[in-house]
Amino acid sequence: MITEECIACDACREECPTQAIEEGDPIYIIDPDRCTECVGFYDEPACIAVCPVDCIVPDPDNVETMAELKLKFQQISAEEE
């Protein structure tokens, strides 16, 4: 999830391989249905790595297992084919 410290710099949105990050008002938001935490793409979430203000943190209300994230990656990959 993206916290209130977001400066809407667009860095995270550009890095997201599943287009899970959208502009919100006033901060960006992450669509949990599209976010795979970069499983299948990178070793760690790309958005966290590029965020200049460290405002992207795990959502305690949406904890997913590695198996769930991998399944979501496979579903998103199948949609794009």
PDB file of N, CA and C in Angstrom:
ATOM      1  N   MET A   1       0.840  -1.182   0.000  1.00  0.00           N
ATOM      2  CA  MET A   1       0.000   0.000   0.000  1.00  0.00           C
ATOM      3  C   MET A   1       0.879   1.236   0.000  1.00  0.00           C
ATOM      4  N   ILE A   2       0.322   2.329  -0.436  1.00  0.00           N
ATOM      5  CA  ILE A   2       1.057   3.586  -0.499  1.00  0.00           C
ATOM      6  C   ILE A   2       0.522   4.492   0.603  1.00  0.00           C
ATOM      7  N   THR A   3       1.438   5.013   1.398  1.00  0.00           N
ATOM      8  CA  THR A   3       1.040   5.832   2.540  1.00  0.00           C
ATOM      9  C   THR A   3       0.860   7.299   2.165  1.00  0.00           C
ATOM     10  N   GLU A   4       0.410   8.067   3.118  1.00  0.00           N
ATOM     11  CA  GLU A   4       0.145   9.501   2.941  1.00  0.00           C
ATOM     12  C   GLU A   4       1.395  10.302   2.575  1.00  0.00           C
ATOM     13  N   GLU A   5       2.572   9.731   2.772  1.00  0.00           N
ATOM     14  CA  GLU A   5       3.814  10.437   2.453  1.00  0.00           C
ATOM     15  C   GLU A   5       4.087  10.511   0.955  1.00  0.00           C
ATOM     16  N   CYS A   6       3.266   9.861   0.145  1.00  0.00           N
ATOM     17  CA  CYS A   6       3.429   9.838  -1.309  1.00  0.00           C
ATOM     18  C   CYS A   6       3.487  11.258  -1.864  1.00  0.00           C
ATOM     19  N   ILE A   7       4.467  11.499  -2.733  1.00  0.00           N
ATOM     20  CA  ILE A   7       4.601  12.811  -3.368  1.00  0.00           C
ATOM     21  C   ILE A   7       4.145  12.773  -4.833  1.00  0.00           C
ATOM     22  N   ALA A   8       3.534  11.681  -5.241  1.00  0.00           N
ATOM     23  CA  ALA A   8       2.999  11.517  -6.601  1.00  0.00           C
ATOM     24  C   ALA A   8       4.045  11.818  -7.668  1.00  0.00           C
ATOM     25  N   CYS A   9       5.235  11.260  -7.489  1.00  0.00           N
ATOM     26  CA  CYS A   9       6.345  11.532  -8.409  1.00  0.00           C
ATOM     27  C   CYS A   9       6.288  10.685  -9.676  1.00  0.00           C
ATOM     28  N   ASP A  10       5.475   9.629  -9.683  1.00  0.00           N
ATOM     29  CA  ASP A  10       5.282   8.756 -10.836  1.00  0.00           C
ATOM     30  C   ASP A  10       6.356   7.680 -10.991  1.00  0.00           C
ATOM     31  N   ALA A  11       7.368   7.658 -10.128  1.00  0.00           N
ATOM     32  CA  ALA A  11       8.445   6.674 -10.262  1.00  0.00           C
ATOM     33  C   ALA A  11       7.928   5.248 -10.115  1.00  0.00           C
ATOM     34  N   CYS A  12       7.094   5.013  -9.146  1.00  0.00           N
ATOM     35  CA  CYS A  12       6.594   3.658  -8.903  1.00  0.00           C
ATOM     36  C   CYS A  12       5.690   3.182 -10.031  1.00  0.00           C
ATOM     37  N   ARG A  13       4.858   4.058 -10.516  1.00  0.00           N
ATOM     38  CA  ARG A  13       3.906   3.684 -11.574  1.00  0.00           C
ATOM     39  C   ARG A  13       4.637   3.235 -12.830  1.00  0.00           C
ATOM     40  N   GLU A  14       5.700   3.925 -13.163  1.00  0.00           N
ATOM     41  CA  GLU A  14       6.480   3.574 -14.352  1.00  0.00           C
ATOM     42  C   GLU A  14       7.188   2.228 -14.210  1.00  0.00           C
ATOM     43  N   GLU A  15       7.542   1.847 -12.990  1.00  0.00           N
ATOM     44  CA  GLU A  15       8.281   0.599 -12.760  1.00  0.00           C
ATOM     45  C   GLU A  15       7.393  -0.631 -12.623  1.00  0.00           C
ATOM     46  N   CYS A  16       6.121  -0.443 -12.365  1.00  0.00           N
ATOM     47  CA  CYS A  16       5.234  -1.570 -12.079  1.00  0.00           C
ATOM     48  C   CYS A  16       4.986  -2.412 -13.329  1.00  0.00           C
ATOM     49  N   PRO A  17       5.395  -3.681 -13.332  1.00  0.00           N
ATOM     50  CA  PRO A  17       5.238  -4.519 -14.521  1.00  0.00           C
ATOM     51  C   PRO A  17       3.799  -4.974 -14.775  1.00  0.00           C
ATOM     52  N   THR A  18       2.916  -4.817 -13.784  1.00  0.00           N
ATOM     53  CA  THR A  18       1.525  -5.252 -13.969  1.00  0.00           C
ATOM     54  C   THR A  18       0.547  -4.083 -14.027  1.00  0.00           C
ATOM     55  N   GLN A  19       1.069  -2.872 -14.089  1.00  0.00           N
ATOM     56  CA  GLN A  19       0.235  -1.673 -14.117  1.00  0.00           C
ATOM     57  C   GLN A  19      -0.760  -1.647 -12.957  1.00  0.00           C
ATOM     58  N   ALA A  20      -0.282  -2.036 -11.776  1.00  0.00           N
ATOM     59  CA  ALA A  20      -1.137  -2.090 -10.593  1.00  0.00           C
ATOM     60  C   ALA A  20      -1.206  -0.756  -9.851  1.00  0.00           C
ATOM     61  N   ILE A  21      -0.366   0.195 -10.234  1.00  0.00           N
ATOM     62  CA  ILE A  21      -0.331   1.477  -9.530  1.00  0.00           C
ATOM     63  C   ILE A  21      -1.004   2.537 -10.388  1.00  0.00           C
ATOM     64  N   GLU A  22      -1.942   3.240  -9.760  1.00  0.00           N
ATOM     65  CA  GLU A  22      -2.704   4.259 -10.464  1.00  0.00           C
ATOM     66  C   GLU A  22      -2.636   5.584  -9.720  1.00  0.00           C
ATOM     67  N   GLU A  23      -2.844   6.651 -10.476  1.00  0.00           N
ATOM     68  CA  GLU A  23      -2.919   7.962  -9.849  1.00  0.00           C
ATOM     69  C   GLU A  23      -4.171   8.028  -9.009  1.00  0.00           C
ATOM     70  N   GLY A  24      -4.011   8.535  -7.812  1.00  0.00           N
ATOM     71  CA  GLY A  24      -5.153   8.767  -6.945  1.00  0.00           C
ATOM     72  C   GLY A  24      -5.167  10.235  -6.571  1.00  0.00           C
ATOM     73  N   ASP A  25      -6.068  10.611  -5.714  1.00  0.00           N
ATOM     74  CA  ASP A  25      -6.141  12.001  -5.292  1.00  0.00           C
ATOM     75  C   ASP A  25      -6.132  12.048  -3.777  1.00  0.00           C
ATOM     76  N   PRO A  26      -5.081  12.465  -3.151  1.00  0.00           N
ATOM     77  CA  PRO A  26      -3.883  13.098  -3.701  1.00  0.00           C
ATOM     78  C   PRO A  26      -2.713  12.132  -3.894  1.00  0.00           C
ATOM     79  N   ILE A  27      -2.821  10.905  -3.394  1.00  0.00           N
ATOM     80  CA  ILE A  27      -1.683   9.974  -3.496  1.00  0.00           C
ATOM     81  C   ILE A  27      -2.008   8.844  -4.460  1.00  0.00           C
ATOM     82  N   TYR A  28      -0.978   8.141  -4.898  1.00  0.00           N
ATOM     83  CA  TYR A  28      -1.163   6.993  -5.782  1.00  0.00           C
ATOM     84  C   TYR A  28      -1.736   5.827  -4.978  1.00  0.00           C
ATOM     85  N   ILE A  29      -2.358   4.890  -5.685  1.00  0.00           N
ATOM     86  CA  ILE A  29      -2.934   3.715  -5.043  1.00  0.00           C
ATOM     87  C   ILE A  29      -2.482   2.455  -5.778  1.00  0.00           C
ATOM     88  N   ILE A  30      -2.454   1.357  -5.059  1.00  0.00           N
ATOM     89  CA  ILE A  30      -2.080   0.062  -5.638  1.00  0.00           C
ATOM     90  C   ILE A  30      -3.327  -0.813  -5.700  1.00  0.00           C
ATOM     91  N   ASP A  31      -3.602  -1.349  -6.881  1.00  0.00           N
ATOM     92  CA  ASP A  31      -4.726  -2.268  -7.065  1.00  0.00           C
ATOM     93  C   ASP A  31      -4.266  -3.651  -6.587  1.00  0.00           C
ATOM     94  N   PRO A  32      -4.775  -4.124  -5.461  1.00  0.00           N
ATOM     95  CA  PRO A  32      -4.314  -5.408  -4.928  1.00  0.00           C
ATOM     96  C   PRO A  32      -4.631  -6.598  -5.828  1.00  0.00           C
ATOM     97  N   ASP A  33      -5.605  -6.440  -6.720  1.00  0.00           N
ATOM     98  CA  ASP A  33      -5.940  -7.525  -7.642  1.00  0.00           C
ATOM     99  C   ASP A  33      -4.902  -7.672  -8.754  1.00  0.00           C
ATOM    100  N   ARG A  34      -4.113  -6.630  -9.018  1.00  0.00           N
ATOM    101  CA  ARG A  34      -3.095  -6.679 -10.067  1.00  0.00           C
ATOM    102  C   ARG A  34      -1.676  -6.779  -9.507  1.00  0.00           C
ATOM    103  N   CYS A  35      -1.490  -6.442  -8.240  1.00  0.00           N
ATOM    104  CA  CYS A  35      -0.147  -6.435  -7.660  1.00  0.00           C
ATOM    105  C   CYS A  35       0.308  -7.853  -7.305  1.00  0.00           C
ATOM    106  N   THR A  36       1.456  -8.244  -7.855  1.00  0.00           N
ATOM    107  CA  THR A  36       2.041  -9.548  -7.544  1.00  0.00           C
ATOM    108  C   THR A  36       3.268  -9.387  -6.657  1.00  0.00           C
ATOM    109  N   GLU A  37       3.493  -8.152  -6.159  1.00  0.00           N
ATOM    110  CA  GLU A  37       4.705  -7.823  -5.411  1.00  0.00           C
ATOM    111  C   GLU A  37       5.935  -8.166  -6.255  1.00  0.00           C
ATOM    112  N   CYS A  38       5.767  -8.088  -7.559  1.00  0.00           N
ATOM    113  CA  CYS A  38       6.785  -8.346  -8.589  1.00  0.00           C
ATOM    114  C   CYS A  38       7.231  -9.801  -8.660  1.00  0.00           C
ATOM    115  N   VAL A  39       6.492 -10.710  -8.001  1.00  0.00           N
ATOM    116  CA  VAL A  39       6.767 -12.136  -8.138  1.00  0.00           C
ATOM    117  C   VAL A  39       6.590 -12.486  -9.608  1.00  0.00           C
ATOM    118  N   GLY A  40       7.561 -13.176 -10.167  1.00  0.00           N
ATOM    119  CA  GLY A  40       7.532 -13.534 -11.577  1.00  0.00           C
ATOM    120  C   GLY A  40       8.261 -12.537 -12.459  1.00  0.00           C
ATOM    121  N   PHE A  41       8.564 -11.378 -11.926  1.00  0.00           N
ATOM    122  CA  PHE A  41       9.244 -10.339 -12.687  1.00  0.00           C
ATOM    123  C   PHE A  41      10.622 -10.002 -12.105  1.00  0.00           C
ATOM    124  N   TYR A  42      10.646  -9.689 -10.805  1.00  0.00           N
ATOM    125  CA  TYR A  42      11.869  -9.251 -10.138  1.00  0.00           C
ATOM    126  C   TYR A  42      12.023  -9.962  -8.799  1.00  0.00           C
ATOM    127  N   ASP A  43      13.211  -9.838  -8.209  1.00  0.00           N
ATOM    128  CA  ASP A  43      13.471 -10.459  -6.910  1.00  0.00           C
ATOM    129  C   ASP A  43      12.808  -9.723  -5.755  1.00  0.00           C
ATOM    130  N   GLU A  44      12.501  -8.457  -5.959  1.00  0.00           N
ATOM    131  CA  GLU A  44      11.829  -7.663  -4.935  1.00  0.00           C
ATOM    132  C   GLU A  44      10.895  -6.683  -5.619  1.00  0.00           C
ATOM    133  N   PRO A  45       9.929  -6.134  -4.878  1.00  0.00           N
ATOM    134  CA  PRO A  45       9.006  -5.179  -5.501  1.00  0.00           C
ATOM    135  C   PRO A  45       9.737  -3.966  -6.081  1.00  0.00           C
ATOM    136  N   ALA A  46       9.560  -3.731  -7.359  1.00  0.00           N
ATOM    137  CA  ALA A  46      10.247  -2.635  -8.044  1.00  0.00           C
ATOM    138  C   ALA A  46       9.803  -1.277  -7.519  1.00  0.00           C
ATOM    139  N   CYS A  47       8.550  -1.152  -7.150  1.00  0.00           N
ATOM    140  CA  CYS A  47       8.042   0.134  -6.671  1.00  0.00           C
ATOM    141  C   CYS A  47       8.746   0.576  -5.398  1.00  0.00           C
ATOM    142  N   ILE A  48       9.002  -0.372  -4.506  1.00  0.00           N
ATOM    143  CA  ILE A  48       9.686  -0.042  -3.255  1.00  0.00           C
ATOM    144  C   ILE A  48      11.107   0.404  -3.544  1.00  0.00           C
ATOM    145  N   ALA A  49      11.757  -0.255  -4.489  1.00  0.00           N
ATOM    146  CA  ALA A  49      13.147   0.066  -4.812  1.00  0.00           C
ATOM    147  C   ALA A  49      13.311   1.471  -5.384  1.00  0.00           C
ATOM    148  N   VAL A  50      12.308   1.966  -6.112  1.00  0.00           N
ATOM    149  CA  VAL A  50      12.449   3.277  -6.761  1.00  0.00           C
ATOM    150  C   VAL A  50      11.789   4.424  -6.004  1.00  0.00           C
ATOM    151  N   CYS A  51      11.029   4.145  -4.981  1.00  0.00           N
ATOM    152  CA  CYS A  51      10.310   5.203  -4.261  1.00  0.00           C
ATOM    153  C   CYS A  51      11.289   6.108  -3.512  1.00  0.00           C
ATOM    154  N   PRO A  52      11.311   7.413  -3.850  1.00  0.00           N
ATOM    155  CA  PRO A  52      12.265   8.317  -3.213  1.00  0.00           C
ATOM    156  C   PRO A  52      11.915   8.693  -1.772  1.00  0.00           C
ATOM    157  N   VAL A  53      10.673   8.443  -1.357  1.00  0.00           N
ATOM    158  CA  VAL A  53      10.279   8.819   0.008  1.00  0.00           C
ATOM    159  C   VAL A  53       9.882   7.617   0.864  1.00  0.00           C
ATOM    160  N   ASP A  54      10.141   6.418   0.374  1.00  0.00           N
ATOM    161  CA  ASP A  54       9.854   5.184   1.123  1.00  0.00           C
ATOM    162  C   ASP A  54       8.434   5.136   1.671  1.00  0.00           C
ATOM    163  N   CYS A  55       7.470   5.404   0.804  1.00  0.00           N
ATOM    164  CA  CYS A  55       6.078   5.425   1.258  1.00  0.00           C
ATOM    165  C   CYS A  55       5.296   4.178   0.862  1.00  0.00           C
ATOM    166  N   ILE A  56       5.972   3.173   0.314  1.00  0.00           N
ATOM    167  CA  ILE A  56       5.283   1.942  -0.088  1.00  0.00           C
ATOM    168  C   ILE A  56       5.630   0.854   0.927  1.00  0.00           C
ATOM    169  N   VAL A  57       4.592   0.352   1.592  1.00  0.00           N
ATOM    170  CA  VAL A  57       4.767  -0.619   2.667  1.00  0.00           C
ATOM    171  C   VAL A  57       3.786  -1.774   2.476  1.00  0.00           C
ATOM    172  N   PRO A  58       4.063  -2.923   3.086  1.00  0.00           N
ATOM    173  CA  PRO A  58       3.110  -4.033   3.004  1.00  0.00           C
ATOM    174  C   PRO A  58       1.764  -3.635   3.622  1.00  0.00           C
ATOM    175  N   ASP A  59       0.685  -4.078   2.998  1.00  0.00           N
ATOM    176  CA  ASP A  59      -0.659  -3.808   3.503  1.00  0.00           C
ATOM    177  C   ASP A  59      -1.029  -4.901   4.503  1.00  0.00           C
ATOM    178  N   PRO A  60      -1.154  -4.556   5.778  1.00  0.00           N
ATOM    179  CA  PRO A  60      -1.462  -5.591   6.776  1.00  0.00           C
ATOM    180  C   PRO A  60      -2.836  -6.230   6.582  1.00  0.00           C
ATOM    181  N   ASP A  61      -3.706  -5.576   5.825  1.00  0.00           N
ATOM    182  CA  ASP A  61      -5.036  -6.125   5.569  1.00  0.00           C
ATOM    183  C   ASP A  61      -5.093  -6.974   4.301  1.00  0.00           C
ATOM    184  N   ASN A  62      -3.948  -7.123   3.608  1.00  0.00           N
ATOM    185  CA  ASN A  62      -3.931  -7.879   2.361  1.00  0.00           C
ATOM    186  C   ASN A  62      -2.627  -8.669   2.250  1.00  0.00           C
ATOM    187  N   VAL A  63      -2.430  -9.599   3.157  1.00  0.00           N
ATOM    188  CA  VAL A  63      -1.226 -10.428   3.156  1.00  0.00           C
ATOM    189  C   VAL A  63      -1.479 -11.648   2.270  1.00  0.00           C
ATOM    190  N   GLU A  64      -0.557 -11.884   1.321  1.00  0.00           N
ATOM    191  CA  GLU A  64      -0.704 -13.010   0.403  1.00  0.00           C
ATOM    192  C   GLU A  64       0.515 -13.919   0.492  1.00  0.00           C
ATOM    193  N   THR A  65       0.288 -15.204   0.297  1.00  0.00           N
ATOM    194  CA  THR A  65       1.385 -16.164   0.305  1.00  0.00           C
ATOM    195  C   THR A  65       2.119 -16.111  -1.029  1.00  0.00           C
ATOM    196  N   MET A  66       3.299 -16.701  -1.060  1.00  0.00           N
ATOM    197  CA  MET A  66       4.058 -16.775  -2.306  1.00  0.00           C
ATOM    198  C   MET A  66       3.262 -17.543  -3.363  1.00  0.00           C
ATOM    199  N   ALA A  67       2.562 -18.584  -2.964  1.00  0.00           N
ATOM    200  CA  ALA A  67       1.755 -19.367  -3.909  1.00  0.00           C
ATOM    201  C   ALA A  67       0.637 -18.505  -4.505  1.00  0.00           C
ATOM    202  N   GLU A  68      -0.005 -17.683  -3.692  1.00  0.00           N
ATOM    203  CA  GLU A  68      -1.063 -16.801  -4.183  1.00  0.00           C
ATOM    204  C   GLU A  68      -0.508 -15.766  -5.161  1.00  0.00           C
ATOM    205  N   LEU A  69       0.656 -15.221  -4.842  1.00  0.00           N
ATOM    206  CA  LEU A  69       1.277 -14.224  -5.716  1.00  0.00           C
ATOM    207  C   LEU A  69       1.691 -14.850  -7.050  1.00  0.00           C
ATOM    208  N   LYS A  70       2.219 -16.074  -7.006  1.00  0.00           N
ATOM    209  CA  LYS A  70       2.607 -16.765  -8.245  1.00  0.00           C
ATOM    210  C   LYS A  70       1.388 -17.053  -9.111  1.00  0.00           C
ATOM    211  N   LEU A  71       0.289 -17.466  -8.488  1.00  0.00           N
ATOM    212  CA  LEU A  71      -0.943 -17.731  -9.227  1.00  0.00           C
ATOM    213  C   LEU A  71      -1.452 -16.447  -9.887  1.00  0.00           C
ATOM    214  N   LYS A  72      -1.407 -15.354  -9.165  1.00  0.00           N
ATOM    215  CA  LYS A  72      -1.841 -14.074  -9.720  1.00  0.00           C
ATOM    216  C   LYS A  72      -0.956 -13.679 -10.901  1.00  0.00           C
ATOM    217  N   PHE A  73       0.353 -13.903 -10.781  1.00  0.00           N
ATOM    218  CA  PHE A  73       1.288 -13.626 -11.888  1.00  0.00           C
ATOM    219  C   PHE A  73       0.896 -14.449 -13.109  1.00  0.00           C
ATOM    220  N   GLN A  74       0.597 -15.735 -12.911  1.00  0.00           N
ATOM    221  CA  GLN A  74       0.226 -16.596 -14.042  1.00  0.00           C
ATOM    222  C   GLN A  74      -1.078 -16.129 -14.684  1.00  0.00           C
ATOM    223  N   GLN A  75      -2.049 -15.699 -13.888  1.00  0.00           N
ATOM    224  CA  GLN A  75      -3.315 -15.219 -14.421  1.00  0.00           C
ATOM    225  C   GLN A  75      -3.120 -13.926 -15.230  1.00  0.00           C
ATOM    226  N   ILE A  76      -2.318 -13.013 -14.697  1.00  0.00           N
ATOM    227  CA  ILE A  76      -2.065 -11.758 -15.396  1.00  0.00           C
ATOM    228  C   ILE A  76      -1.299 -12.016 -16.690  1.00  0.00           C
ATOM    229  N   SER A  77      -0.334 -12.934 -16.658  1.00  0.00           N
ATOM    230  CA  SER A  77       0.429 -13.274 -17.856  1.00  0.00           C
ATOM    231  C   SER A  77      -0.485 -13.883 -18.919  1.00  0.00           C
ATOM    232  N   ALA A  78      -1.428 -14.699 -18.524  1.00  0.00           N
ATOM    233  CA  ALA A  78      -2.356 -15.319 -19.462  1.00  0.00           C
ATOM    234  C   ALA A  78      -3.277 -14.273 -20.098  1.00  0.00           C
ATOM    235  N   GLU A  79      -3.668 -13.254 -19.331  1.00  0.00           N
ATOM    236  CA  GLU A  79      -4.513 -12.174 -19.856  1.00  0.00           C
ATOM    237  C   GLU A  79      -3.803 -11.400 -20.961  1.00  0.00           C
ATOM    238  N   GLU A  80      -2.497 -11.246 -20.826  1.00  0.00           N
ATOM    239  CA  GLU A  80      -1.732 -10.431 -21.757  1.00  0.00           C
ATOM    240  C   GLU A  80      -1.384 -11.167 -23.041  1.00  0.00           C
ATOM    241  N   GLU A  81      -1.628 -12.448 -23.096  1.00  0.00           N
ATOM    242  CA  GLU A  81      -1.293 -13.226 -24.307  1.00  0.00           C
ATOM    243  C   GLU A  81      -2.299 -13.054 -25.386  1.00  0.00           C
TER     244      GLU A  81
END
